[in-house]
Amino acid sequence: MRYGYVYAIALNSTGSPQQARGLLERLHQQHPAEPDVLVALVTTARGAGDIPTALLHARELARLYPGNPQIQMLVIDLEKQVSH
């Protein structure tokens, strides 16, 4: 899993964000509770302007870590962006 994650980050950093997101989605299907993959999905979706997908994955993170105030703030921020 780790190599795939690192490869996806490298793809995103070198200008292949769609490939990176596809790989991250596959990794997420295989490892649904992996926080690094979820954070990367939120980040890449947000960077692509796909706020609804970023919000979807941020909510998944919030379910995994319900007491994390940073994740809660991220969800609130993304919800505001979706509602505008």
PDB file of N, CA and C in Angstrom:
ATOM      1  N   MET A   1       0.826  -1.184   0.000  1.00  0.00           N
ATOM      2  CA  MET A   1       0.000   0.000   0.000  1.00  0.00           C
ATOM      3  C   MET A   1       0.873   1.251   0.000  1.00  0.00           C
ATOM      4  N   ARG A   2       1.903   1.234   0.796  1.00  0.00           N
ATOM      5  CA  ARG A   2       2.731   2.439   0.958  1.00  0.00           C
ATOM      6  C   ARG A   2       3.376   2.874  -0.353  1.00  0.00           C
ATOM      7  N   TYR A   3       3.868   1.912  -1.132  1.00  0.00           N
ATOM      8  CA  TYR A   3       4.504   2.255  -2.404  1.00  0.00           C
ATOM      9  C   TYR A   3       3.498   2.888  -3.358  1.00  0.00           C
ATOM     10  N   GLY A   4       2.294   2.355  -3.374  1.00  0.00           N
ATOM     11  CA  GLY A   4       1.252   2.921  -4.224  1.00  0.00           C
ATOM     12  C   GLY A   4       0.916   4.344  -3.823  1.00  0.00           C
ATOM     13  N   TYR A   5       0.846   4.578  -2.525  1.00  0.00           N
ATOM     14  CA  TYR A   5       0.563   5.916  -2.015  1.00  0.00           C
ATOM     15  C   TYR A   5       1.661   6.897  -2.433  1.00  0.00           C
ATOM     16  N   VAL A   6       2.911   6.491  -2.229  1.00  0.00           N
ATOM     17  CA  VAL A   6       4.041   7.360  -2.581  1.00  0.00           C
ATOM     18  C   VAL A   6       4.053   7.614  -4.092  1.00  0.00           C
ATOM     19  N   TYR A   7       3.766   6.591  -4.865  1.00  0.00           N
ATOM     20  CA  TYR A   7       3.721   6.744  -6.319  1.00  0.00           C
ATOM     21  C   TYR A   7       2.609   7.720  -6.713  1.00  0.00           C
ATOM     22  N   ALA A   8       1.463   7.615  -6.085  1.00  0.00           N
ATOM     23  CA  ALA A   8       0.352   8.531  -6.386  1.00  0.00           C
ATOM     24  C   ALA A   8       0.737   9.973  -6.054  1.00  0.00           C
ATOM     25  N   ILE A   9       1.395  10.193  -4.949  1.00  0.00           N
ATOM     26  CA  ILE A   9       1.831  11.538  -4.579  1.00  0.00           C
ATOM     27  C   ILE A   9       2.828  12.057  -5.611  1.00  0.00           C
ATOM     28  N   ALA A  10       3.731  11.182  -6.054  1.00  0.00           N
ATOM     29  CA  ALA A  10       4.700  11.580  -7.079  1.00  0.00           C
ATOM     30  C   ALA A  10       4.000  11.922  -8.388  1.00  0.00           C
ATOM     31  N   LEU A  11       3.011  11.134  -8.771  1.00  0.00           N
ATOM     32  CA  LEU A  11       2.252  11.429  -9.995  1.00  0.00           C
ATOM     33  C   LEU A  11       1.599  12.806  -9.899  1.00  0.00           C
ATOM     34  N   ASN A  12       0.986  13.068  -8.763  1.00  0.00           N
ATOM     35  CA  ASN A  12       0.321  14.358  -8.577  1.00  0.00           C
ATOM     36  C   ASN A  12       1.325  15.508  -8.635  1.00  0.00           C
ATOM     37  N   SER A  13       2.478  15.304  -8.014  1.00  0.00           N
ATOM     38  CA  SER A  13       3.500  16.353  -7.961  1.00  0.00           C
ATOM     39  C   SER A  13       4.144  16.627  -9.312  1.00  0.00           C
ATOM     40  N   THR A  14       4.129  15.638 -10.188  1.00  0.00           N
ATOM     41  CA  THR A  14       4.780  15.803 -11.492  1.00  0.00           C
ATOM     42  C   THR A  14       3.798  16.103 -12.614  1.00  0.00           C
ATOM     43  N   GLY A  15       2.583  16.486 -12.247  1.00  0.00           N
ATOM     44  CA  GLY A  15       1.641  16.952 -13.251  1.00  0.00           C
ATOM     45  C   GLY A  15       0.702  15.915 -13.820  1.00  0.00           C
ATOM     46  N   SER A  16       0.461  14.846 -13.093  1.00  0.00           N
ATOM     47  CA  SER A  16      -0.494  13.823 -13.540  1.00  0.00           C
ATOM     48  C   SER A  16      -1.561  13.600 -12.469  1.00  0.00           C
ATOM     49  N   PRO A  17      -2.324  14.649 -12.160  1.00  0.00           N
ATOM     50  CA  PRO A  17      -3.272  14.530 -11.046  1.00  0.00           C
ATOM     51  C   PRO A  17      -4.392  13.518 -11.284  1.00  0.00           C
ATOM     52  N   GLN A  18      -4.850  13.365 -12.542  1.00  0.00           N
ATOM     53  CA  GLN A  18      -5.921  12.392 -12.784  1.00  0.00           C
ATOM     54  C   GLN A  18      -5.429  10.968 -12.526  1.00  0.00           C
ATOM     55  N   GLN A  19      -4.219  10.680 -12.960  1.00  0.00           N
ATOM     56  CA  GLN A  19      -3.650   9.354 -12.693  1.00  0.00           C
ATOM     57  C   GLN A  19      -3.482   9.147 -11.193  1.00  0.00           C
ATOM     58  N   ALA A  20      -3.031  10.171 -10.524  1.00  0.00           N
ATOM     59  CA  ALA A  20      -2.841  10.088  -9.076  1.00  0.00           C
ATOM     60  C   ALA A  20      -4.165   9.801  -8.384  1.00  0.00           C
ATOM     61  N   ARG A  21      -5.203  10.520  -8.762  1.00  0.00           N
ATOM     62  CA  ARG A  21      -6.513  10.315  -8.130  1.00  0.00           C
ATOM     63  C   ARG A  21      -7.045   8.929  -8.409  1.00  0.00           C
ATOM     64  N   GLY A  22      -6.845   8.424  -9.633  1.00  0.00           N
ATOM     65  CA  GLY A  22      -7.295   7.076  -9.955  1.00  0.00           C
ATOM     66  C   GLY A  22      -6.602   6.030  -9.092  1.00  0.00           C
ATOM     67  N   LEU A  23      -5.300   6.177  -8.948  1.00  0.00           N
ATOM     68  CA  LEU A  23      -4.539   5.248  -8.112  1.00  0.00           C
ATOM     69  C   LEU A  23      -4.965   5.365  -6.653  1.00  0.00           C
ATOM     70  N   LEU A  24      -5.149   6.575  -6.169  1.00  0.00           N
ATOM     71  CA  LEU A  24      -5.591   6.768  -4.786  1.00  0.00           C
ATOM     72  C   LEU A  24      -6.965   6.155  -4.553  1.00  0.00           C
ATOM     73  N   GLU A  25      -7.867   6.275  -5.526  1.00  0.00           N
ATOM     74  CA  GLU A  25      -9.200   5.669  -5.388  1.00  0.00           C
ATOM     75  C   GLU A  25      -9.088   4.150  -5.299  1.00  0.00           C
ATOM     76  N   ARG A  26      -8.218   3.563  -6.114  1.00  0.00           N
ATOM     77  CA  ARG A  26      -8.028   2.107  -6.053  1.00  0.00           C
ATOM     78  C   ARG A  26      -7.441   1.697  -4.701  1.00  0.00           C
ATOM     79  N   LEU A  27      -6.464   2.460  -4.228  1.00  0.00           N
ATOM     80  CA  LEU A  27      -5.889   2.173  -2.914  1.00  0.00           C
ATOM     81  C   LEU A  27      -6.946   2.302  -1.819  1.00  0.00           C
ATOM     82  N   HIS A  28      -7.808   3.284  -1.966  1.00  0.00           N
ATOM     83  CA  HIS A  28      -8.866   3.496  -0.970  1.00  0.00           C
ATOM     84  C   HIS A  28      -9.844   2.317  -0.953  1.00  0.00           C
ATOM     85  N   GLN A  29     -10.140   1.770  -2.110  1.00  0.00           N
ATOM     86  CA  GLN A  29     -11.023   0.596  -2.160  1.00  0.00           C
ATOM     87  C   GLN A  29     -10.392  -0.595  -1.436  1.00  0.00           C
ATOM     88  N   GLN A  30      -9.075  -0.723  -1.565  1.00  0.00           N
ATOM     89  CA  GLN A  30      -8.370  -1.834  -0.930  1.00  0.00           C
ATOM     90  C   GLN A  30      -8.117  -1.592   0.561  1.00  0.00           C
ATOM     91  N   HIS A  31      -7.946  -0.330   0.932  1.00  0.00           N
ATOM     92  CA  HIS A  31      -7.614   0.045   2.315  1.00  0.00           C
ATOM     93  C   HIS A  31      -8.506   1.222   2.738  1.00  0.00           C
ATOM     94  N   PRO A  32      -9.798   0.969   2.965  1.00  0.00           N
ATOM     95  CA  PRO A  32     -10.743   2.074   3.200  1.00  0.00           C
ATOM     96  C   PRO A  32     -10.495   2.897   4.463  1.00  0.00           C
ATOM     97  N   ALA A  33      -9.754   2.375   5.403  1.00  0.00           N
ATOM     98  CA  ALA A  33      -9.521   3.114   6.652  1.00  0.00           C
ATOM     99  C   ALA A  33      -8.124   3.719   6.720  1.00  0.00           C
ATOM    100  N   GLU A  34      -7.430   3.787   5.597  1.00  0.00           N
ATOM    101  CA  GLU A  34      -6.063   4.328   5.581  1.00  0.00           C
ATOM    102  C   GLU A  34      -6.125   5.854   5.537  1.00  0.00           C
ATOM    103  N   PRO A  35      -5.760   6.525   6.629  1.00  0.00           N
ATOM    104  CA  PRO A  35      -5.916   7.980   6.679  1.00  0.00           C
ATOM    105  C   PRO A  35      -5.053   8.740   5.673  1.00  0.00           C
ATOM    106  N   ASP A  36      -3.843   8.281   5.403  1.00  0.00           N
ATOM    107  CA  ASP A  36      -2.994   8.993   4.440  1.00  0.00           C
ATOM    108  C   ASP A  36      -3.630   9.024   3.057  1.00  0.00           C
ATOM    109  N   VAL A  37      -4.237   7.927   2.672  1.00  0.00           N
ATOM    110  CA  VAL A  37      -4.896   7.864   1.361  1.00  0.00           C
ATOM    111  C   VAL A  37      -6.092   8.808   1.343  1.00  0.00           C
ATOM    112  N   LEU A  38      -6.872   8.821   2.407  1.00  0.00           N
ATOM    113  CA  LEU A  38      -8.030   9.716   2.470  1.00  0.00           C
ATOM    114  C   LEU A  38      -7.611  11.186   2.431  1.00  0.00           C
ATOM    115  N   VAL A  39      -6.566  11.523   3.161  1.00  0.00           N
ATOM    116  CA  VAL A  39      -6.079  12.911   3.136  1.00  0.00           C
ATOM    117  C   VAL A  39      -5.621  13.275   1.720  1.00  0.00           C
ATOM    118  N   ALA A  40      -4.910  12.369   1.081  1.00  0.00           N
ATOM    119  CA  ALA A  40      -4.455  12.625  -0.288  1.00  0.00           C
ATOM    120  C   ALA A  40      -5.629  12.759  -1.244  1.00  0.00           C
ATOM    121  N   LEU A  41      -6.675  11.964  -1.046  1.00  0.00           N
ATOM    122  CA  LEU A  41      -7.870  12.091  -1.892  1.00  0.00           C
ATOM    123  C   LEU A  41      -8.548  13.446  -1.686  1.00  0.00           C
ATOM    124  N   VAL A  42      -8.634  13.879  -0.446  1.00  0.00           N
ATOM    125  CA  VAL A  42      -9.217  15.202  -0.170  1.00  0.00           C
ATOM    126  C   VAL A  42      -8.375  16.279  -0.848  1.00  0.00           C
ATOM    127  N   THR A  43      -7.081  16.196  -0.678  1.00  0.00           N
ATOM    128  CA  THR A  43      -6.172  17.212  -1.214  1.00  0.00           C
ATOM    129  C   THR A  43      -6.200  17.265  -2.735  1.00  0.00           C
ATOM    130  N   THR A  44      -6.146  16.104  -3.373  1.00  0.00           N
ATOM    131  CA  THR A  44      -6.123  16.096  -4.843  1.00  0.00           C
ATOM    132  C   THR A  44      -7.475  16.494  -5.425  1.00  0.00           C
ATOM    133  N   ALA A  45      -8.552  16.075  -4.788  1.00  0.00           N
ATOM    134  CA  ALA A  45      -9.876  16.472  -5.274  1.00  0.00           C
ATOM    135  C   ALA A  45     -10.066  17.978  -5.120  1.00  0.00           C
ATOM    136  N   ARG A  46      -9.666  18.488  -3.989  1.00  0.00           N
ATOM    137  CA  ARG A  46      -9.784  19.927  -3.737  1.00  0.00           C
ATOM    138  C   ARG A  46      -8.927  20.712  -4.739  1.00  0.00           C
ATOM    139  N   GLY A  47      -7.725  20.229  -4.990  1.00  0.00           N
ATOM    140  CA  GLY A  47      -6.833  20.881  -5.944  1.00  0.00           C
ATOM    141  C   GLY A  47      -7.392  20.892  -7.356  1.00  0.00           C
ATOM    142  N   ALA A  48      -8.190  19.873  -7.668  1.00  0.00           N
ATOM    143  CA  ALA A  48      -8.809  19.786  -8.995  1.00  0.00           C
ATOM    144  C   ALA A  48     -10.123  20.555  -9.052  1.00  0.00           C
ATOM    145  N   GLY A  49     -10.519  21.154  -7.940  1.00  0.00           N
ATOM    146  CA  GLY A  49     -11.779  21.890  -7.902  1.00  0.00           C
ATOM    147  C   GLY A  49     -12.993  21.001  -7.709  1.00  0.00           C
ATOM    148  N   ASP A  50     -12.772  19.733  -7.379  1.00  0.00           N
ATOM    149  CA  ASP A  50     -13.865  18.776  -7.167  1.00  0.00           C
ATOM    150  C   ASP A  50     -14.213  18.755  -5.680  1.00  0.00           C
ATOM    151  N   ILE A  51     -14.864  19.810  -5.248  1.00  0.00           N
ATOM    152  CA  ILE A  51     -15.161  19.982  -3.828  1.00  0.00           C
ATOM    153  C   ILE A  51     -16.124  18.912  -3.303  1.00  0.00           C
ATOM    154  N   PRO A  52     -17.153  18.510  -4.057  1.00  0.00           N
ATOM    155  CA  PRO A  52     -18.030  17.446  -3.535  1.00  0.00           C
ATOM    156  C   PRO A  52     -17.274  16.141  -3.219  1.00  0.00           C
ATOM    157  N   THR A  53     -16.323  15.765  -4.061  1.00  0.00           N
ATOM    158  CA  THR A  53     -15.542  14.552  -3.794  1.00  0.00           C
ATOM    159  C   THR A  53     -14.619  14.769  -2.608  1.00  0.00           C
ATOM    160  N   ALA A  54     -14.018  15.945  -2.516  1.00  0.00           N
ATOM    161  CA  ALA A  54     -13.175  16.257  -1.359  1.00  0.00           C
ATOM    162  C   ALA A  54     -13.993  16.153  -0.075  1.00  0.00           C
ATOM    163  N   LEU A  55     -15.203  16.664  -0.105  1.00  0.00           N
ATOM    164  CA  LEU A  55     -16.085  16.613   1.063  1.00  0.00           C
ATOM    165  C   LEU A  55     -16.449  15.173   1.409  1.00  0.00           C
ATOM    166  N   LEU A  56     -16.736  14.377   0.415  1.00  0.00           N
ATOM    167  CA  LEU A  56     -17.060  12.968   0.643  1.00  0.00           C
ATOM    168  C   LEU A  56     -15.943  12.278   1.421  1.00  0.00           C
ATOM    169  N   HIS A  57     -14.717  12.466   0.974  1.00  0.00           N
ATOM    170  CA  HIS A  57     -13.588  11.821   1.639  1.00  0.00           C
ATOM    171  C   HIS A  57     -13.273  12.458   2.989  1.00  0.00           C
ATOM    172  N   ALA A  58     -13.482  13.745   3.119  1.00  0.00           N
ATOM    173  CA  ALA A  58     -13.284  14.402   4.421  1.00  0.00           C
ATOM    174  C   ALA A  58     -14.286  13.860   5.438  1.00  0.00           C
ATOM    175  N   ARG A  59     -15.497  13.603   5.005  1.00  0.00           N
ATOM    176  CA  ARG A  59     -16.494  13.017   5.918  1.00  0.00           C
ATOM    177  C   ARG A  59     -16.104  11.601   6.322  1.00  0.00           C
ATOM    178  N   GLU A  60     -15.492  10.865   5.411  1.00  0.00           N
ATOM    179  CA  GLU A  60     -14.996   9.535   5.764  1.00  0.00           C
ATOM    180  C   GLU A  60     -13.933   9.646   6.856  1.00  0.00           C
ATOM    181  N   LEU A  61     -13.031  10.604   6.692  1.00  0.00           N
ATOM    182  CA  LEU A  61     -12.010  10.844   7.725  1.00  0.00           C
ATOM    183  C   LEU A  61     -12.659  11.201   9.057  1.00  0.00           C
ATOM    184  N   ALA A  62     -13.687  12.037   9.006  1.00  0.00           N
ATOM    185  CA  ALA A  62     -14.364  12.461  10.236  1.00  0.00           C
ATOM    186  C   ALA A  62     -15.018  11.271  10.935  1.00  0.00           C
ATOM    187  N   ARG A  63     -15.526  10.317  10.167  1.00  0.00           N
ATOM    188  CA  ARG A  63     -16.110   9.120  10.788  1.00  0.00           C
ATOM    189  C   ARG A  63     -15.024   8.260  11.451  1.00  0.00           C
ATOM    190  N   LEU A  64     -13.851   8.228  10.843  1.00  0.00           N
ATOM    191  CA  LEU A  64     -12.742   7.454  11.413  1.00  0.00           C
ATOM    192  C   LEU A  64     -12.147   8.124  12.647  1.00  0.00           C
ATOM    193  N   TYR A  65     -12.140   9.462  12.637  1.00  0.00           N
ATOM    194  CA  TYR A  65     -11.525  10.239  13.723  1.00  0.00           C
ATOM    195  C   TYR A  65     -12.505  11.306  14.211  1.00  0.00           C
ATOM    196  N   PRO A  66     -13.571  10.875  14.888  1.00  0.00           N
ATOM    197  CA  PRO A  66     -14.636  11.816  15.257  1.00  0.00           C
ATOM    198  C   PRO A  66     -14.206  12.921  16.220  1.00  0.00           C
ATOM    199  N   GLY A  67     -13.153  12.740  16.961  1.00  0.00           N
ATOM    200  CA  GLY A  67     -12.733  13.758  17.918  1.00  0.00           C
ATOM    201  C   GLY A  67     -11.664  14.699  17.403  1.00  0.00           C
ATOM    202  N   ASN A  68     -11.313  14.599  16.126  1.00  0.00           N
ATOM    203  CA  ASN A  68     -10.226  15.410  15.580  1.00  0.00           C
ATOM    204  C   ASN A  68     -10.774  16.768  15.119  1.00  0.00           C
ATOM    205  N   PRO A  69     -10.403  17.848  15.811  1.00  0.00           N
ATOM    206  CA  PRO A  69     -10.953  19.160  15.461  1.00  0.00           C
ATOM    207  C   PRO A  69     -10.485  19.661  14.088  1.00  0.00           C
ATOM    208  N   GLN A  70      -9.298  19.288  13.653  1.00  0.00           N
ATOM    209  CA  GLN A  70      -8.822  19.731  12.332  1.00  0.00           C
ATOM    210  C   GLN A  70      -9.669  19.118  11.220  1.00  0.00           C
ATOM    211  N   ILE A  71     -10.003  17.860  11.377  1.00  0.00           N
ATOM    212  CA  ILE A  71     -10.840  17.206  10.372  1.00  0.00           C
ATOM    213  C   ILE A  71     -12.240  17.804  10.395  1.00  0.00           C
ATOM    214  N   GLN A  72     -12.754  18.080  11.576  1.00  0.00           N
ATOM    215  CA  GLN A  72     -14.086  18.698  11.670  1.00  0.00           C
ATOM    216  C   GLN A  72     -14.106  20.060  10.975  1.00  0.00           C
ATOM    217  N   MET A  73     -13.041  20.840  11.173  1.00  0.00           N
ATOM    218  CA  MET A  73     -12.956  22.151  10.519  1.00  0.00           C
ATOM    219  C   MET A  73     -12.844  21.999   8.998  1.00  0.00           C
ATOM    220  N   LEU A  74     -12.119  20.991   8.555  1.00  0.00           N
ATOM    221  CA  LEU A  74     -12.009  20.722   7.124  1.00  0.00           C
ATOM    222  C   LEU A  74     -13.381  20.420   6.536  1.00  0.00           C
ATOM    223  N   VAL A  75     -14.146  19.580   7.196  1.00  0.00           N
ATOM    224  CA  VAL A  75     -15.492  19.243   6.726  1.00  0.00           C
ATOM    225  C   VAL A  75     -16.353  20.495   6.660  1.00  0.00           C
ATOM    226  N   ILE A  76     -16.310  21.312   7.686  1.00  0.00           N
ATOM    227  CA  ILE A  76     -17.115  22.538   7.728  1.00  0.00           C
ATOM    228  C   ILE A  76     -16.709  23.465   6.579  1.00  0.00           C
ATOM    229  N   ASP A  77     -15.407  23.635   6.363  1.00  0.00           N
ATOM    230  CA  ASP A  77     -14.911  24.481   5.282  1.00  0.00           C
ATOM    231  C   ASP A  77     -15.395  23.974   3.910  1.00  0.00           C
ATOM    232  N   LEU A  78     -15.291  22.675   3.696  1.00  0.00           N
ATOM    233  CA  LEU A  78     -15.717  22.107   2.415  1.00  0.00           C
ATOM    234  C   LEU A  78     -17.237  22.203   2.253  1.00  0.00           C
ATOM    235  N   GLU A  79     -17.973  22.020   3.332  1.00  0.00           N
ATOM    236  CA  GLU A  79     -19.434  22.165   3.254  1.00  0.00           C
ATOM    237  C   GLU A  79     -19.814  23.585   2.841  1.00  0.00           C
ATOM    238  N   LYS A  80     -19.104  24.575   3.373  1.00  0.00           N
ATOM    239  CA  LYS A  80     -19.364  25.969   2.994  1.00  0.00           C
ATOM    240  C   LYS A  80     -19.093  26.173   1.516  1.00  0.00           C
ATOM    241  N   GLN A  81     -18.010  25.570   1.002  1.00  0.00           N
ATOM    242  CA  GLN A  81     -17.666  25.732  -0.401  1.00  0.00           C
ATOM    243  C   GLN A  81     -18.709  25.071  -1.302  1.00  0.00           C
ATOM    244  N   VAL A  82     -19.242  23.939  -0.877  1.00  0.00           N
ATOM    245  CA  VAL A  82     -20.246  23.245  -1.684  1.00  0.00           C
ATOM    246  C   VAL A  82     -21.550  24.035  -1.716  1.00  0.00           C
ATOM    247  N   SER A  83     -21.896  24.680  -0.610  1.00  0.00           N
ATOM    248  CA  SER A  83     -23.165  25.393  -0.540  1.00  0.00           C
ATOM    249  C   SER A  83     -23.165  26.715  -1.298  1.00  0.00           C
ATOM    250  N   HIS A  84     -21.996  27.212  -1.671  1.00  0.00           N
ATOM    251  CA  HIS A  84     -21.940  28.484  -2.406  1.00  0.00           C
ATOM    252  C   HIS A  84     -22.087  28.288  -3.873  1.00  0.00           C
TER     253      HIS A  84
END
